Amino acid sequence: MWEEHELSKMVEGGIPWKMASDGSGNVGKVYGVYDEDAGVELRGRFIIDPDGVIQGMETLTPPVGRNMEETIRQIQAFQHVRESGGTEATPAEWKPGKMTLKPGPDMVGRIWEVWKPDGN
């Protein structure tokens, strides 16, 4: 209902993934985002890969909204890394089409030599 009445009006075309509702709080309790005292869940966002592994998570208190553009960027980054078989890593603020890094021992302490914040 929230996606139909709210998100579809906030994000052009709606969000490109499924969302879950947890009225009973059972899932929130498992993920540690259920506030027992208030009887509500905190704003939890979990990026779970096709193998069921949590790759990213964020928890915010109810008065603070999430950044949907950042969530989409992170999903794209996780997808890119997965598609590369782990041979590429995405630096801070990476976006599709921008430079990636080749992880390895030779990069430790030297990322600054190749990474430019503007992606060049």
N, C-alpha and C. Protein backbone atom coordinates (compact mmCIF):
# COMPACT_ATOMS: atom_id res chain seq x y z
N MET A 1 0.82 -1.19 0.00
CA MET A 1 0.00 0.00 0.00
C MET A 1 0.87 1.26 0.00
N TRP A 2 1.95 1.25 0.78
CA TRP A 2 2.83 2.41 0.85
C TRP A 2 3.45 2.70 -0.51
N GLU A 3 3.85 1.63 -1.22
CA GLU A 3 4.44 1.81 -2.55
C GLU A 3 3.41 2.40 -3.50
N GLU A 4 2.19 1.89 -3.47
CA GLU A 4 1.14 2.35 -4.38
C GLU A 4 0.74 3.80 -4.12
N HIS A 5 0.61 4.16 -2.86
CA HIS A 5 0.09 5.48 -2.51
C HIS A 5 1.15 6.53 -2.25
N GLU A 6 2.37 6.13 -1.96
CA GLU A 6 3.41 7.11 -1.62
C GLU A 6 4.61 7.04 -2.57
N LEU A 7 5.32 5.91 -2.57
CA LEU A 7 6.55 5.82 -3.34
C LEU A 7 6.35 6.05 -4.82
N SER A 8 5.26 5.55 -5.38
CA SER A 8 5.03 5.72 -6.82
C SER A 8 4.88 7.19 -7.18
N LYS A 9 4.52 8.02 -6.21
CA LYS A 9 4.42 9.46 -6.45
C LYS A 9 5.73 10.18 -6.16
N MET A 10 6.61 9.54 -5.39
CA MET A 10 7.88 10.16 -5.01
C MET A 10 9.02 9.77 -5.95
N VAL A 11 8.95 8.57 -6.51
CA VAL A 11 10.00 8.06 -7.39
C VAL A 11 9.36 7.79 -8.75
N GLU A 12 9.78 8.51 -9.76
CA GLU A 12 9.17 8.37 -11.08
C GLU A 12 9.19 6.91 -11.53
N GLY A 13 8.03 6.38 -11.85
CA GLY A 13 7.90 4.99 -12.27
C GLY A 13 7.87 4.01 -11.12
N GLY A 14 7.92 4.51 -9.89
CA GLY A 14 7.95 3.63 -8.72
C GLY A 14 9.34 3.05 -8.52
N ILE A 15 9.49 2.24 -7.51
CA ILE A 15 10.80 1.65 -7.24
C ILE A 15 10.93 0.33 -7.99
N PRO A 16 12.13 0.02 -8.49
CA PRO A 16 12.31 -1.16 -9.33
C PRO A 16 12.60 -2.45 -8.55
N TRP A 17 12.09 -2.59 -7.34
CA TRP A 17 12.27 -3.81 -6.57
C TRP A 17 11.07 -4.01 -5.66
N LYS A 18 10.97 -5.19 -5.12
CA LYS A 18 9.85 -5.52 -4.24
C LYS A 18 10.13 -5.02 -2.83
N MET A 19 9.06 -4.61 -2.18
CA MET A 19 9.15 -4.21 -0.78
C MET A 19 8.25 -5.14 0.02
N ALA A 20 8.58 -5.31 1.29
CA ALA A 20 7.80 -6.17 2.16
C ALA A 20 7.15 -5.34 3.26
N SER A 21 5.99 -5.78 3.67
CA SER A 21 5.31 -5.18 4.80
C SER A 21 5.36 -6.18 5.95
N ASP A 22 5.55 -5.70 7.15
CA ASP A 22 5.72 -6.58 8.30
C ASP A 22 4.87 -6.09 9.46
N GLY A 23 3.55 -6.13 9.28
CA GLY A 23 2.64 -5.62 10.29
C GLY A 23 2.79 -6.26 11.66
N SER A 24 3.18 -7.52 11.70
CA SER A 24 3.31 -8.22 12.99
C SER A 24 4.65 -7.93 13.66
N GLY A 25 5.62 -7.41 12.91
CA GLY A 25 6.94 -7.13 13.47
C GLY A 25 7.85 -8.34 13.55
N ASN A 26 7.40 -9.49 13.04
CA ASN A 26 8.22 -10.70 13.14
C ASN A 26 9.54 -10.59 12.38
N VAL A 27 9.49 -10.07 11.16
CA VAL A 27 10.71 -9.93 10.36
C VAL A 27 11.60 -8.86 10.99
N GLY A 28 11.00 -7.76 11.43
CA GLY A 28 11.77 -6.70 12.08
C GLY A 28 12.52 -7.18 13.30
N LYS A 29 11.91 -8.09 14.05
CA LYS A 29 12.58 -8.65 15.23
C LYS A 29 13.80 -9.46 14.83
N VAL A 30 13.65 -10.26 13.76
CA VAL A 30 14.77 -11.08 13.28
C VAL A 30 15.94 -10.19 12.82
N TYR A 31 15.62 -9.08 12.14
CA TYR A 31 16.66 -8.20 11.61
C TYR A 31 17.11 -7.14 12.62
N GLY A 32 16.50 -7.13 13.79
CA GLY A 32 16.93 -6.21 14.84
C GLY A 32 16.48 -4.77 14.65
N VAL A 33 15.37 -4.55 13.93
CA VAL A 33 14.90 -3.19 13.71
C VAL A 33 13.53 -2.94 14.34
N TYR A 34 13.07 -3.87 15.17
CA TYR A 34 11.77 -3.70 15.81
C TYR A 34 11.96 -3.06 17.18
N ASP A 35 11.28 -1.95 17.40
CA ASP A 35 11.33 -1.23 18.68
C ASP A 35 10.19 -1.78 19.55
N GLU A 36 10.54 -2.66 20.48
CA GLU A 36 9.55 -3.32 21.35
C GLU A 36 8.74 -2.30 22.15
N ASP A 37 9.41 -1.27 22.68
CA ASP A 37 8.73 -0.29 23.53
C ASP A 37 7.66 0.49 22.75
N ALA A 38 8.01 0.89 21.52
CA ALA A 38 7.08 1.68 20.71
C ALA A 38 6.12 0.80 19.91
N GLY A 39 6.47 -0.48 19.74
CA GLY A 39 5.62 -1.38 18.96
C GLY A 39 5.67 -1.11 17.47
N VAL A 40 6.79 -0.54 17.00
CA VAL A 40 6.96 -0.25 15.57
C VAL A 40 8.37 -0.63 15.13
N GLU A 41 8.53 -0.74 13.83
CA GLU A 41 9.86 -0.99 13.28
C GLU A 41 10.54 0.31 12.92
N LEU A 42 11.85 0.33 13.09
CA LEU A 42 12.64 1.46 12.62
C LEU A 42 12.70 1.35 11.10
N ARG A 43 13.17 2.38 10.45
CA ARG A 43 13.29 2.35 8.99
C ARG A 43 14.51 1.50 8.62
N GLY A 44 14.26 0.25 8.33
CA GLY A 44 15.35 -0.65 7.99
C GLY A 44 15.40 -0.89 6.49
N ARG A 45 16.59 -0.86 5.94
CA ARG A 45 16.79 -1.16 4.52
C ARG A 45 17.88 -2.21 4.44
N PHE A 46 17.57 -3.32 3.80
CA PHE A 46 18.51 -4.41 3.67
C PHE A 46 18.63 -4.78 2.20
N ILE A 47 19.86 -4.80 1.70
CA ILE A 47 20.11 -5.22 0.32
C ILE A 47 20.57 -6.67 0.42
N ILE A 48 19.75 -7.58 -0.12
CA ILE A 48 20.01 -9.01 -0.01
C ILE A 48 20.26 -9.55 -1.41
N ASP A 49 21.38 -10.23 -1.59
CA ASP A 49 21.74 -10.73 -2.91
C ASP A 49 20.94 -11.98 -3.27
N PRO A 50 21.06 -12.46 -4.52
CA PRO A 50 20.29 -13.62 -4.95
C PRO A 50 20.58 -14.89 -4.13
N ASP A 51 21.70 -14.93 -3.42
CA ASP A 51 22.03 -16.08 -2.59
C ASP A 51 21.48 -15.95 -1.17
N GLY A 52 20.76 -14.84 -0.91
CA GLY A 52 20.18 -14.63 0.41
C GLY A 52 21.12 -14.01 1.43
N VAL A 53 22.24 -13.47 0.96
CA VAL A 53 23.23 -12.86 1.85
C VAL A 53 23.00 -11.35 1.92
N ILE A 54 22.96 -10.81 3.12
CA ILE A 54 22.82 -9.36 3.27
C ILE A 54 24.13 -8.70 2.84
N GLN A 55 24.05 -7.86 1.83
CA GLN A 55 25.23 -7.15 1.32
C GLN A 55 25.31 -5.72 1.86
N GLY A 56 24.17 -5.15 2.21
CA GLY A 56 24.15 -3.79 2.73
C GLY A 56 22.95 -3.60 3.63
N MET A 57 23.09 -2.72 4.61
CA MET A 57 21.96 -2.44 5.49
C MET A 57 22.09 -1.03 6.05
N GLU A 58 20.94 -0.47 6.37
CA GLU A 58 20.87 0.86 6.95
C GLU A 58 19.65 0.90 7.85
N THR A 59 19.80 1.48 9.03
CA THR A 59 18.67 1.63 9.94
C THR A 59 18.59 3.09 10.36
N LEU A 60 17.43 3.67 10.18
CA LEU A 60 17.20 5.06 10.55
C LEU A 60 16.01 5.14 11.49
N THR A 61 16.00 6.14 12.34
CA THR A 61 14.83 6.35 13.20
C THR A 61 13.71 6.92 12.34
N PRO A 62 12.44 6.71 12.74
CA PRO A 62 11.30 7.11 11.91
C PRO A 62 11.29 8.55 11.39
N PRO A 63 11.81 9.55 12.11
CA PRO A 63 11.71 10.90 11.55
C PRO A 63 12.65 11.18 10.38
N VAL A 64 13.60 10.28 10.10
CA VAL A 64 14.58 10.54 9.04
C VAL A 64 14.30 9.63 7.85
N GLY A 65 14.10 10.23 6.69
CA GLY A 65 13.81 9.46 5.48
C GLY A 65 15.06 8.92 4.82
N ARG A 66 14.85 7.92 3.97
CA ARG A 66 15.95 7.30 3.24
C ARG A 66 16.19 8.02 1.92
N ASN A 67 17.34 7.79 1.34
CA ASN A 67 17.70 8.37 0.05
C ASN A 67 17.56 7.29 -1.01
N MET A 68 16.49 7.33 -1.78
CA MET A 68 16.22 6.29 -2.77
C MET A 68 17.28 6.26 -3.87
N GLU A 69 17.78 7.42 -4.26
CA GLU A 69 18.83 7.44 -5.29
C GLU A 69 20.07 6.71 -4.80
N GLU A 70 20.42 6.89 -3.54
CA GLU A 70 21.59 6.20 -2.98
C GLU A 70 21.34 4.70 -2.90
N THR A 71 20.13 4.31 -2.53
CA THR A 71 19.80 2.89 -2.48
C THR A 71 19.94 2.26 -3.87
N ILE A 72 19.42 2.92 -4.88
CA ILE A 72 19.53 2.41 -6.26
C ILE A 72 20.99 2.34 -6.68
N ARG A 73 21.79 3.38 -6.34
CA ARG A 73 23.21 3.38 -6.68
C ARG A 73 23.93 2.20 -6.03
N GLN A 74 23.61 1.94 -4.77
CA GLN A 74 24.25 0.82 -4.07
C GLN A 74 23.86 -0.51 -4.70
N ILE A 75 22.60 -0.68 -5.04
CA ILE A 75 22.17 -1.92 -5.69
C ILE A 75 22.91 -2.11 -7.00
N GLN A 76 23.04 -1.04 -7.79
CA GLN A 76 23.78 -1.12 -9.06
C GLN A 76 25.24 -1.49 -8.81
N ALA A 77 25.84 -0.95 -7.75
CA ALA A 77 27.23 -1.26 -7.42
C ALA A 77 27.36 -2.73 -7.02
N PHE A 78 26.47 -3.21 -6.17
CA PHE A 78 26.52 -4.62 -5.77
C PHE A 78 26.32 -5.53 -6.98
N GLN A 79 25.41 -5.17 -7.89
CA GLN A 79 25.20 -5.95 -9.10
C GLN A 79 26.45 -5.97 -9.96
N HIS A 80 27.11 -4.82 -10.10
CA HIS A 80 28.32 -4.73 -10.91
C HIS A 80 29.42 -5.62 -10.34
N VAL A 81 29.63 -5.52 -9.04
CA VAL A 81 30.67 -6.33 -8.41
C VAL A 81 30.36 -7.82 -8.58
N ARG A 82 29.10 -8.18 -8.40
CA ARG A 82 28.70 -9.59 -8.56
C ARG A 82 28.93 -10.06 -9.99
N GLU A 83 28.54 -9.23 -10.97
CA GLU A 83 28.71 -9.60 -12.38
C GLU A 83 30.19 -9.73 -12.75
N SER A 84 31.05 -8.98 -12.07
CA SER A 84 32.49 -9.06 -12.37
C SER A 84 33.13 -10.26 -11.69
N GLY A 85 32.36 -10.98 -10.89
CA GLY A 85 32.91 -12.13 -10.18
C GLY A 85 33.87 -11.70 -9.07
N GLY A 86 33.74 -10.48 -8.63
CA GLY A 86 34.60 -9.98 -7.56
C GLY A 86 35.94 -9.45 -8.05
N THR A 87 36.11 -9.34 -9.37
CA THR A 87 37.38 -8.83 -9.90
C THR A 87 37.41 -7.32 -9.95
N GLU A 88 36.26 -6.68 -9.69
CA GLU A 88 36.19 -5.22 -9.67
C GLU A 88 35.53 -4.77 -8.38
N ALA A 89 35.91 -3.60 -7.93
CA ALA A 89 35.31 -2.97 -6.75
C ALA A 89 34.88 -1.57 -7.14
N THR A 90 33.85 -1.08 -6.50
CA THR A 90 33.36 0.26 -6.82
C THR A 90 33.77 1.23 -5.72
N PRO A 91 34.47 2.29 -6.07
CA PRO A 91 34.89 3.26 -5.06
C PRO A 91 33.72 4.12 -4.58
N ALA A 92 33.98 4.94 -3.59
CA ALA A 92 32.96 5.83 -3.03
C ALA A 92 32.30 6.64 -4.15
N GLU A 93 31.01 6.78 -4.06
CA GLU A 93 30.19 7.55 -4.99
C GLU A 93 30.21 7.02 -6.42
N TRP A 94 30.64 5.76 -6.61
CA TRP A 94 30.65 5.15 -7.93
C TRP A 94 29.24 5.13 -8.51
N LYS A 95 29.17 5.33 -9.83
CA LYS A 95 27.92 5.20 -10.57
C LYS A 95 28.21 4.39 -11.82
N PRO A 96 27.19 3.72 -12.39
CA PRO A 96 27.41 2.92 -13.59
C PRO A 96 28.12 3.72 -14.67
N GLY A 97 29.10 3.08 -15.28
CA GLY A 97 29.87 3.72 -16.34
C GLY A 97 31.13 4.41 -15.83
N LYS A 98 31.25 4.57 -14.52
CA LYS A 98 32.43 5.23 -13.95
C LYS A 98 33.51 4.20 -13.68
N MET A 99 34.70 4.68 -13.38
CA MET A 99 35.86 3.84 -13.14
C MET A 99 35.65 2.91 -11.94
N THR A 100 36.13 1.69 -12.08
CA THR A 100 36.12 0.74 -10.97
C THR A 100 37.57 0.47 -10.58
N LEU A 101 37.73 -0.26 -9.51
CA LEU A 101 39.06 -0.61 -9.03
C LEU A 101 39.24 -2.11 -9.12
N LYS A 102 40.47 -2.54 -9.25
CA LYS A 102 40.81 -3.96 -9.25
C LYS A 102 41.35 -4.27 -7.86
N PRO A 103 40.54 -4.94 -7.02
CA PRO A 103 41.00 -5.20 -5.65
C PRO A 103 42.17 -6.17 -5.61
N GLY A 104 43.03 -5.97 -4.65
CA GLY A 104 44.17 -6.86 -4.46
C GLY A 104 45.16 -6.23 -3.51
N PRO A 105 46.13 -7.02 -3.07
CA PRO A 105 47.10 -6.52 -2.10
C PRO A 105 47.88 -5.30 -2.59
N ASP A 106 48.10 -5.21 -3.91
CA ASP A 106 48.86 -4.08 -4.45
C ASP A 106 48.10 -2.76 -4.35
N MET A 107 46.79 -2.81 -4.10
CA MET A 107 45.99 -1.58 -3.99
C MET A 107 45.94 -1.05 -2.55
N VAL A 108 46.27 -1.87 -1.58
CA VAL A 108 46.18 -1.46 -0.17
C VAL A 108 47.07 -0.25 0.07
N GLY A 109 46.47 0.82 0.53
CA GLY A 109 47.21 2.05 0.81
C GLY A 109 47.58 2.85 -0.43
N ARG A 110 47.11 2.43 -1.61
CA ARG A 110 47.49 3.12 -2.84
C ARG A 110 46.29 3.52 -3.69
N ILE A 111 45.09 3.34 -3.18
CA ILE A 111 43.89 3.66 -3.97
C ILE A 111 43.93 5.12 -4.41
N TRP A 112 44.43 5.99 -3.57
CA TRP A 112 44.47 7.42 -3.89
C TRP A 112 45.26 7.69 -5.16
N GLU A 113 46.17 6.78 -5.55
CA GLU A 113 46.98 7.00 -6.75
C GLU A 113 46.16 6.85 -8.03
N VAL A 114 45.09 6.06 -7.98
CA VAL A 114 44.30 5.81 -9.19
C VAL A 114 42.89 6.34 -9.14
N TRP A 115 42.31 6.50 -7.96
CA TRP A 115 40.93 6.90 -7.85
C TRP A 115 40.81 8.41 -7.80
N LYS A 116 39.90 8.91 -8.61
CA LYS A 116 39.59 10.35 -8.62
C LYS A 116 38.11 10.48 -8.29
N PRO A 117 37.74 11.34 -7.34
CA PRO A 117 36.33 11.47 -6.94
C PRO A 117 35.36 11.75 -8.08
N ASP A 118 35.82 12.38 -9.15
CA ASP A 118 34.90 12.68 -10.25
C ASP A 118 34.75 11.49 -11.20
N GLY A 119 35.41 10.37 -10.89
CA GLY A 119 35.25 9.14 -11.67
C GLY A 119 36.14 9.05 -12.89
N ASN A 120 37.03 10.00 -13.09
CA ASN A 120 37.93 9.96 -14.26
C ASN A 120 39.16 9.13 -14.00
